[in-house]
Each structure stands twice: as structure tokens, then as C-alpha cells.
N, C-alpha and C. Protein backbone atom coordinates (compact mmCIF):
# COMPACT_ATOMS: atom_id res chain seq x y z
N MET A 1 -2.42 3.34 17.83
CA MET A 1 -3.07 2.68 16.71
C MET A 1 -4.10 1.69 17.26
N PRO A 2 -5.22 1.59 16.60
CA PRO A 2 -6.27 0.71 17.10
C PRO A 2 -6.01 -0.78 16.92
N LYS A 3 -5.04 -1.14 16.12
CA LYS A 3 -4.77 -2.57 15.84
C LYS A 3 -3.26 -2.74 15.73
N ASP A 4 -2.74 -3.82 16.32
CA ASP A 4 -1.32 -4.10 16.19
C ASP A 4 -0.99 -4.37 14.73
N LEU A 5 -0.13 -3.56 14.15
CA LEU A 5 0.21 -3.67 12.74
C LEU A 5 1.51 -4.41 12.50
N TYR A 6 2.15 -4.90 13.57
CA TYR A 6 3.44 -5.54 13.45
C TYR A 6 3.41 -6.66 12.41
N GLY A 7 4.32 -6.56 11.44
CA GLY A 7 4.47 -7.61 10.45
C GLY A 7 3.40 -7.64 9.37
N SER A 8 2.60 -6.61 9.29
CA SER A 8 1.49 -6.61 8.33
C SER A 8 1.88 -5.95 7.01
N ALA A 9 0.94 -5.94 6.09
CA ALA A 9 1.08 -5.22 4.83
C ALA A 9 0.17 -4.00 4.89
N LEU A 10 0.65 -2.90 4.35
CA LEU A 10 -0.10 -1.64 4.34
C LEU A 10 -0.44 -1.30 2.89
N PHE A 11 -1.72 -1.09 2.61
CA PHE A 11 -2.18 -0.79 1.26
C PHE A 11 -2.59 0.67 1.20
N HIS A 12 -1.87 1.47 0.43
CA HIS A 12 -2.25 2.87 0.22
C HIS A 12 -3.45 2.88 -0.71
N CYS A 13 -4.62 3.02 -0.13
CA CYS A 13 -5.87 2.83 -0.87
C CYS A 13 -6.98 3.60 -0.17
N GLY A 14 -7.90 4.12 -0.93
CA GLY A 14 -9.13 4.72 -0.40
C GLY A 14 -10.30 3.93 -0.92
N PRO A 15 -10.63 2.81 -0.30
CA PRO A 15 -11.62 1.90 -0.87
C PRO A 15 -13.05 2.44 -0.82
N ILE A 16 -13.85 1.89 -1.70
CA ILE A 16 -15.29 2.11 -1.65
C ILE A 16 -15.88 0.88 -0.98
N MET A 17 -16.53 1.10 0.15
CA MET A 17 -17.04 0.00 0.96
C MET A 17 -18.57 0.06 1.01
N VAL A 18 -19.17 -1.07 1.35
CA VAL A 18 -20.61 -1.13 1.56
C VAL A 18 -20.87 -1.92 2.84
N GLN A 19 -21.74 -1.37 3.68
CA GLN A 19 -22.10 -2.11 4.90
C GLN A 19 -23.34 -2.95 4.60
N ARG A 20 -23.23 -4.23 4.88
CA ARG A 20 -24.31 -5.18 4.61
C ARG A 20 -25.35 -5.14 5.74
N GLU A 21 -26.48 -5.76 5.48
CA GLU A 21 -27.56 -5.80 6.46
C GLU A 21 -27.13 -6.42 7.78
N ASP A 22 -26.21 -7.40 7.72
CA ASP A 22 -25.75 -8.06 8.94
C ASP A 22 -24.68 -7.26 9.69
N GLY A 23 -24.33 -6.07 9.16
CA GLY A 23 -23.34 -5.21 9.81
C GLY A 23 -21.92 -5.40 9.30
N SER A 24 -21.68 -6.46 8.55
CA SER A 24 -20.34 -6.69 8.00
C SER A 24 -20.09 -5.73 6.83
N TRP A 25 -18.83 -5.61 6.46
CA TRP A 25 -18.44 -4.71 5.38
C TRP A 25 -17.94 -5.49 4.18
N GLY A 26 -18.27 -5.01 3.01
CA GLY A 26 -17.76 -5.56 1.76
C GLY A 26 -17.06 -4.46 0.99
N VAL A 27 -16.11 -4.85 0.18
CA VAL A 27 -15.36 -3.87 -0.62
C VAL A 27 -15.86 -3.92 -2.06
N ILE A 28 -16.15 -2.75 -2.60
CA ILE A 28 -16.62 -2.64 -3.98
C ILE A 28 -15.46 -2.32 -4.91
N ALA A 29 -14.64 -1.37 -4.52
CA ALA A 29 -13.49 -0.96 -5.33
C ALA A 29 -12.34 -0.63 -4.39
N ALA A 30 -11.11 -0.97 -4.81
CA ALA A 30 -9.94 -0.76 -3.96
C ALA A 30 -8.72 -0.48 -4.82
N GLY A 31 -8.66 0.70 -5.39
CA GLY A 31 -7.52 1.06 -6.22
C GLY A 31 -6.42 1.70 -5.39
N PRO A 32 -5.18 1.56 -5.83
CA PRO A 32 -4.06 2.16 -5.10
C PRO A 32 -4.08 3.68 -5.22
N THR A 33 -3.58 4.33 -4.20
CA THR A 33 -3.40 5.78 -4.25
C THR A 33 -1.91 6.08 -4.29
N THR A 34 -1.57 7.30 -4.63
CA THR A 34 -0.17 7.69 -4.79
C THR A 34 0.58 7.62 -3.46
N SER A 35 1.57 6.77 -3.40
CA SER A 35 2.31 6.52 -2.16
C SER A 35 3.21 7.68 -1.75
N ALA A 36 3.70 8.46 -2.70
CA ALA A 36 4.63 9.54 -2.38
C ALA A 36 4.05 10.52 -1.37
N ARG A 37 2.74 10.62 -1.31
CA ARG A 37 2.10 11.51 -0.33
C ARG A 37 2.40 11.08 1.11
N MET A 38 2.80 9.84 1.30
CA MET A 38 3.05 9.30 2.63
C MET A 38 4.53 9.37 3.03
N ASN A 39 5.39 9.86 2.14
CA ASN A 39 6.84 9.83 2.38
C ASN A 39 7.27 10.49 3.68
N LYS A 40 6.62 11.55 4.09
CA LYS A 40 7.04 12.27 5.29
C LYS A 40 6.97 11.40 6.55
N LEU A 41 5.92 10.61 6.66
CA LEU A 41 5.71 9.81 7.86
C LEU A 41 6.06 8.33 7.72
N GLU A 42 6.19 7.87 6.49
CA GLU A 42 6.34 6.43 6.25
C GLU A 42 7.60 5.81 6.87
N PRO A 43 8.78 6.44 6.78
CA PRO A 43 9.96 5.79 7.39
C PRO A 43 9.77 5.48 8.87
N GLU A 44 9.24 6.42 9.63
CA GLU A 44 9.01 6.20 11.06
C GLU A 44 7.96 5.10 11.27
N PHE A 45 6.92 5.11 10.46
CA PHE A 45 5.85 4.11 10.56
C PHE A 45 6.40 2.71 10.30
N ILE A 46 7.22 2.58 9.26
CA ILE A 46 7.82 1.29 8.92
C ILE A 46 8.68 0.78 10.07
N ARG A 47 9.51 1.65 10.62
CA ARG A 47 10.40 1.25 11.72
C ARG A 47 9.61 0.88 12.98
N LYS A 48 8.59 1.65 13.29
CA LYS A 48 7.83 1.42 14.52
C LYS A 48 7.01 0.14 14.45
N PHE A 49 6.36 -0.11 13.33
CA PHE A 49 5.44 -1.25 13.23
C PHE A 49 6.02 -2.44 12.48
N LYS A 50 7.28 -2.32 12.02
CA LYS A 50 7.94 -3.42 11.31
C LYS A 50 7.07 -3.96 10.18
N VAL A 51 6.48 -3.03 9.43
CA VAL A 51 5.62 -3.39 8.31
C VAL A 51 6.44 -4.19 7.30
N ARG A 52 5.87 -5.26 6.78
CA ARG A 52 6.60 -6.15 5.86
C ARG A 52 6.41 -5.79 4.40
N ALA A 53 5.28 -5.14 4.08
CA ALA A 53 5.02 -4.76 2.69
C ALA A 53 4.15 -3.51 2.66
N ILE A 54 4.44 -2.67 1.68
CA ILE A 54 3.60 -1.51 1.39
C ILE A 54 3.15 -1.66 -0.05
N ILE A 55 1.85 -1.49 -0.26
CA ILE A 55 1.27 -1.60 -1.59
C ILE A 55 0.73 -0.24 -1.98
N GLY A 56 1.04 0.21 -3.17
CA GLY A 56 0.55 1.50 -3.63
C GLY A 56 0.92 1.71 -5.08
N LYS A 57 0.98 2.98 -5.48
CA LYS A 57 1.42 3.27 -6.85
C LYS A 57 2.37 4.46 -6.83
N GLY A 58 3.31 4.44 -7.76
CA GLY A 58 4.19 5.58 -7.96
C GLY A 58 5.51 5.57 -7.22
N GLY A 59 5.73 4.63 -6.32
CA GLY A 59 7.00 4.54 -5.62
C GLY A 59 7.08 5.43 -4.40
N MET A 60 8.25 5.38 -3.75
CA MET A 60 8.47 6.13 -2.52
C MET A 60 9.89 6.68 -2.51
N SER A 61 10.17 7.53 -1.54
CA SER A 61 11.45 8.24 -1.46
C SER A 61 12.61 7.33 -1.07
N LYS A 62 13.83 7.85 -1.25
CA LYS A 62 15.03 7.12 -0.84
C LYS A 62 15.03 6.89 0.67
N GLU A 63 14.52 7.87 1.43
CA GLU A 63 14.45 7.73 2.89
C GLU A 63 13.51 6.58 3.27
N THR A 64 12.41 6.47 2.57
CA THR A 64 11.48 5.37 2.84
C THR A 64 12.11 4.04 2.43
N ALA A 65 12.79 4.01 1.30
CA ALA A 65 13.47 2.79 0.86
C ALA A 65 14.52 2.36 1.87
N GLN A 66 15.21 3.32 2.49
CA GLN A 66 16.21 3.00 3.51
C GLN A 66 15.54 2.36 4.73
N ALA A 67 14.40 2.90 5.16
CA ALA A 67 13.67 2.30 6.28
C ALA A 67 13.21 0.89 5.92
N MET A 68 12.79 0.70 4.68
CA MET A 68 12.39 -0.64 4.22
C MET A 68 13.55 -1.61 4.33
N LYS A 69 14.72 -1.16 3.92
CA LYS A 69 15.92 -2.01 3.98
C LYS A 69 16.22 -2.40 5.43
N GLU A 70 16.12 -1.45 6.34
CA GLU A 70 16.40 -1.71 7.76
C GLU A 70 15.45 -2.76 8.35
N VAL A 71 14.22 -2.75 7.91
CA VAL A 71 13.18 -3.61 8.49
C VAL A 71 12.97 -4.90 7.69
N GLY A 72 13.34 -4.89 6.41
CA GLY A 72 13.06 -6.03 5.54
C GLY A 72 11.67 -5.92 4.92
N CYS A 73 11.31 -4.72 4.55
CA CYS A 73 10.01 -4.42 3.97
C CYS A 73 10.16 -4.26 2.46
N VAL A 74 9.11 -4.56 1.71
CA VAL A 74 9.12 -4.36 0.26
C VAL A 74 7.99 -3.40 -0.13
N TYR A 75 8.18 -2.76 -1.28
CA TYR A 75 7.13 -1.92 -1.86
C TYR A 75 6.59 -2.64 -3.08
N LEU A 76 5.30 -2.88 -3.07
CA LEU A 76 4.65 -3.60 -4.16
C LEU A 76 3.77 -2.62 -4.93
N ALA A 77 4.08 -2.45 -6.20
CA ALA A 77 3.34 -1.52 -7.05
C ALA A 77 2.09 -2.19 -7.60
N ALA A 78 0.96 -1.53 -7.41
CA ALA A 78 -0.31 -2.00 -7.96
C ALA A 78 -0.67 -1.11 -9.14
N THR A 79 -1.42 -1.65 -10.05
CA THR A 79 -1.81 -0.92 -11.25
C THR A 79 -2.95 0.04 -10.96
N GLY A 80 -2.72 1.32 -11.27
CA GLY A 80 -3.79 2.29 -11.16
C GLY A 80 -4.88 1.96 -12.17
N GLY A 81 -6.12 2.22 -11.82
CA GLY A 81 -7.23 1.94 -12.72
C GLY A 81 -7.77 0.53 -12.61
N ALA A 82 -7.21 -0.27 -11.70
CA ALA A 82 -7.64 -1.67 -11.56
C ALA A 82 -8.39 -1.90 -10.25
N ALA A 83 -9.14 -0.91 -9.79
CA ALA A 83 -9.78 -0.96 -8.47
C ALA A 83 -10.76 -2.11 -8.32
N ILE A 84 -11.52 -2.40 -9.35
CA ILE A 84 -12.50 -3.49 -9.26
C ILE A 84 -11.78 -4.83 -9.20
N SER A 85 -10.79 -5.01 -10.04
CA SER A 85 -10.02 -6.25 -10.07
C SER A 85 -9.30 -6.48 -8.74
N LEU A 86 -8.67 -5.43 -8.20
CA LEU A 86 -7.97 -5.57 -6.93
C LEU A 86 -8.95 -5.87 -5.80
N ALA A 87 -10.13 -5.27 -5.83
CA ALA A 87 -11.13 -5.53 -4.79
C ALA A 87 -11.51 -7.00 -4.73
N GLU A 88 -11.50 -7.67 -5.87
CA GLU A 88 -11.84 -9.09 -5.90
C GLU A 88 -10.85 -9.93 -5.10
N GLY A 89 -9.61 -9.45 -4.95
CA GLY A 89 -8.61 -10.17 -4.17
C GLY A 89 -8.68 -9.90 -2.68
N LEU A 90 -9.51 -8.94 -2.27
CA LEU A 90 -9.72 -8.66 -0.85
C LEU A 90 -10.93 -9.49 -0.42
N SER A 91 -10.66 -10.71 0.00
CA SER A 91 -11.73 -11.69 0.20
C SER A 91 -12.64 -11.39 1.38
N ARG A 92 -12.13 -10.68 2.38
CA ARG A 92 -12.94 -10.44 3.56
C ARG A 92 -12.46 -9.21 4.30
N CYS A 93 -13.38 -8.35 4.69
CA CYS A 93 -13.07 -7.20 5.54
C CYS A 93 -13.28 -7.65 6.98
N THR A 94 -12.22 -7.56 7.79
CA THR A 94 -12.31 -8.02 9.18
C THR A 94 -12.54 -6.88 10.15
N GLY A 95 -12.71 -5.67 9.62
CA GLY A 95 -13.03 -4.54 10.50
C GLY A 95 -12.51 -3.23 9.97
N GLY A 96 -12.99 -2.18 10.58
CA GLY A 96 -12.56 -0.84 10.22
C GLY A 96 -12.44 0.03 11.46
N GLU A 97 -11.52 0.95 11.41
CA GLU A 97 -11.29 1.89 12.51
C GLU A 97 -11.37 3.31 11.96
N TRP A 98 -11.68 4.24 12.81
CA TRP A 98 -11.73 5.67 12.46
C TRP A 98 -12.74 5.94 11.35
N LEU A 99 -13.88 5.30 11.42
CA LEU A 99 -14.92 5.47 10.40
C LEU A 99 -15.44 6.90 10.35
N ASP A 100 -15.27 7.64 11.45
CA ASP A 100 -15.70 9.04 11.47
C ASP A 100 -14.90 9.91 10.49
N LEU A 101 -13.76 9.42 10.02
CA LEU A 101 -12.95 10.15 9.04
C LEU A 101 -13.51 10.03 7.63
N GLY A 102 -14.45 9.12 7.45
CA GLY A 102 -15.01 8.86 6.13
C GLY A 102 -14.46 7.57 5.57
N MET A 103 -15.20 6.99 4.67
CA MET A 103 -14.87 5.69 4.11
C MET A 103 -13.45 5.60 3.54
N PRO A 104 -13.02 6.53 2.67
CA PRO A 104 -11.69 6.37 2.08
C PRO A 104 -10.54 6.66 3.05
N GLU A 105 -10.80 7.39 4.13
CA GLU A 105 -9.73 7.75 5.07
C GLU A 105 -9.66 6.82 6.28
N ALA A 106 -10.67 6.01 6.49
CA ALA A 106 -10.68 5.08 7.61
C ALA A 106 -9.59 4.02 7.41
N MET A 107 -9.24 3.33 8.48
CA MET A 107 -8.28 2.23 8.37
C MET A 107 -9.07 0.93 8.33
N TRP A 108 -8.90 0.19 7.26
CA TRP A 108 -9.62 -1.07 7.05
C TRP A 108 -8.66 -2.24 7.16
N ARG A 109 -9.16 -3.36 7.68
CA ARG A 109 -8.38 -4.59 7.76
C ARG A 109 -9.03 -5.61 6.82
N PHE A 110 -8.20 -6.21 5.99
CA PHE A 110 -8.69 -7.18 5.00
C PHE A 110 -7.92 -8.48 5.09
N GLU A 111 -8.58 -9.55 4.71
CA GLU A 111 -7.92 -10.81 4.39
C GLU A 111 -7.86 -10.86 2.87
N THR A 112 -6.80 -11.45 2.34
CA THR A 112 -6.63 -11.48 0.89
C THR A 112 -6.59 -12.90 0.36
N ASP A 113 -6.95 -13.00 -0.90
CA ASP A 113 -6.88 -14.28 -1.61
C ASP A 113 -6.59 -13.95 -3.07
N LYS A 114 -5.42 -14.33 -3.52
CA LYS A 114 -5.02 -14.06 -4.91
C LYS A 114 -5.05 -12.56 -5.22
N PHE A 115 -4.51 -11.77 -4.31
CA PHE A 115 -4.50 -10.32 -4.49
C PHE A 115 -3.40 -9.91 -5.46
N GLY A 116 -3.75 -9.10 -6.43
CA GLY A 116 -2.75 -8.61 -7.37
C GLY A 116 -3.34 -8.47 -8.75
N PRO A 117 -2.49 -8.35 -9.74
CA PRO A 117 -1.04 -8.53 -9.73
C PRO A 117 -0.31 -7.34 -9.12
N LEU A 118 0.84 -7.64 -8.54
CA LEU A 118 1.70 -6.63 -7.92
C LEU A 118 3.12 -6.81 -8.44
N ILE A 119 3.86 -5.72 -8.51
CA ILE A 119 5.26 -5.75 -8.95
C ILE A 119 6.14 -5.33 -7.78
N VAL A 120 7.19 -6.09 -7.49
CA VAL A 120 8.14 -5.69 -6.45
C VAL A 120 8.94 -4.51 -7.02
N ALA A 121 8.59 -3.31 -6.59
CA ALA A 121 9.21 -2.10 -7.13
C ALA A 121 10.35 -1.59 -6.25
N ILE A 122 10.31 -1.90 -4.96
CA ILE A 122 11.44 -1.64 -4.05
C ILE A 122 11.59 -2.92 -3.23
N ASP A 123 12.75 -3.55 -3.34
CA ASP A 123 12.94 -4.82 -2.63
C ASP A 123 13.41 -4.59 -1.20
N ALA A 124 13.56 -5.67 -0.45
CA ALA A 124 13.94 -5.59 0.96
C ALA A 124 15.37 -5.14 1.18
N GLU A 125 16.13 -4.99 0.11
CA GLU A 125 17.49 -4.44 0.18
C GLU A 125 17.51 -2.96 -0.17
N GLY A 126 16.35 -2.38 -0.44
CA GLY A 126 16.25 -0.96 -0.77
C GLY A 126 16.45 -0.64 -2.24
N ASN A 127 16.60 -1.67 -3.08
CA ASN A 127 16.77 -1.44 -4.52
C ASN A 127 15.45 -1.04 -5.14
N SER A 128 15.46 0.07 -5.88
CA SER A 128 14.24 0.62 -6.45
C SER A 128 14.19 0.45 -7.96
N LEU A 129 13.15 -0.19 -8.43
CA LEU A 129 12.91 -0.32 -9.86
C LEU A 129 12.73 1.07 -10.49
N TYR A 130 12.10 1.97 -9.77
CA TYR A 130 11.89 3.33 -10.27
C TYR A 130 13.22 4.04 -10.51
N GLU A 131 14.14 3.92 -9.54
CA GLU A 131 15.46 4.55 -9.71
C GLU A 131 16.25 3.89 -10.83
N LYS A 132 16.16 2.58 -10.94
CA LYS A 132 16.88 1.87 -12.01
C LYS A 132 16.40 2.33 -13.38
N VAL A 133 15.10 2.42 -13.57
CA VAL A 133 14.55 2.87 -14.85
C VAL A 133 14.97 4.31 -15.11
N SER A 134 14.86 5.16 -14.10
CA SER A 134 15.22 6.57 -14.25
C SER A 134 16.69 6.74 -14.63
N SER A 135 17.57 5.95 -14.03
CA SER A 135 19.00 6.07 -14.32
C SER A 135 19.35 5.58 -15.72
N ASN A 136 18.49 4.77 -16.31
CA ASN A 136 18.73 4.25 -17.66
C ASN A 136 18.11 5.11 -18.76
N LEU A 137 17.41 6.16 -18.38
CA LEU A 137 16.81 7.04 -19.38
C LEU A 137 17.89 7.78 -20.15
N VAL A 138 17.68 7.93 -21.42
CA VAL A 138 18.60 8.71 -22.25
C VAL A 138 18.17 10.17 -22.17
N ARG A 139 19.06 10.99 -21.69
CA ARG A 139 18.77 12.41 -21.55
C ARG A 139 19.10 13.13 -22.86
N PRO A 140 18.26 14.06 -23.27
CA PRO A 140 18.55 14.80 -24.52
C PRO A 140 19.82 15.63 -24.39
N GLN A 141 20.58 15.67 -25.46
CA GLN A 141 21.80 16.48 -25.50
C GLN A 141 21.46 17.87 -26.01
N ASN A 142 22.00 18.88 -25.39
CA ASN A 142 21.76 20.27 -25.85
C ASN A 142 22.76 20.67 -26.89
């Protein structure tokens, strides 16, 4: 990895960026992407880099929640469709890696200020708001 990610937050996002005349980068839009697409690799990533928070939409698997519990990581749900509002909370882009992959696939580093709103959807004990809601659904009787 091009940057030590230990203890950081990971945002599942494909931002729209703009490079300024001075060479710095600004973020125009930063909406969450579906986190479930990352389930295959996320548990190993969480364990290896001791990630403290993952931000995205739609939740993650039980295996990922277990890795979060082991490390003390939380899953923070961001609202889909709020890309402009969320971008306002990314106060500064401190760099990007793998730009040859394209803007939305590159790895960007941001500083944040009043980023959100976010909902703790999987806590550091592995408790999932998604599972709780699903278990409380009334199933139709045949």
C-alpha cells in the first residue's frame, strides 16, 4: 500500500475530483458506494491495517462484522444521494495514489471537518443495525 493506513478510516466512495492550477486536488462530490462489494477482501484488510472505521452504504457481511469486532472497528452508514453535502465535510485532499486507475478508483487521502451525518450501523462489538432491523421484520404468513 502506498500509505500506512493503520488506525485510519476507509470511505467506500468514488469521488469526483478537480485538480487546481497549483496542482492540489479539490473534491466536488463524494457519495458513498455500496460496501457489500468489498466483503470478499474487507475482513483481511481490516485485520492487516487495523482500520478504525469504514464508511459506506448498505452494510457489510457477518464475516466483515466479525473482523471489525476483533479490531475495534465500526461501520458508519452514509446517506446515498448526499455526495455534494458529504464533499463539504472533506476539508482538504492531502494526496492521491494510483491515479492511473482513474479518478473514482484511485485512493485519495482527505482531512475532514464536520463530516456526515453518519449512522453507526455496525458497532465495535459486531452488532449490526441491519441485522437487528431485518430480524424484527414481520414475515407474511402463508
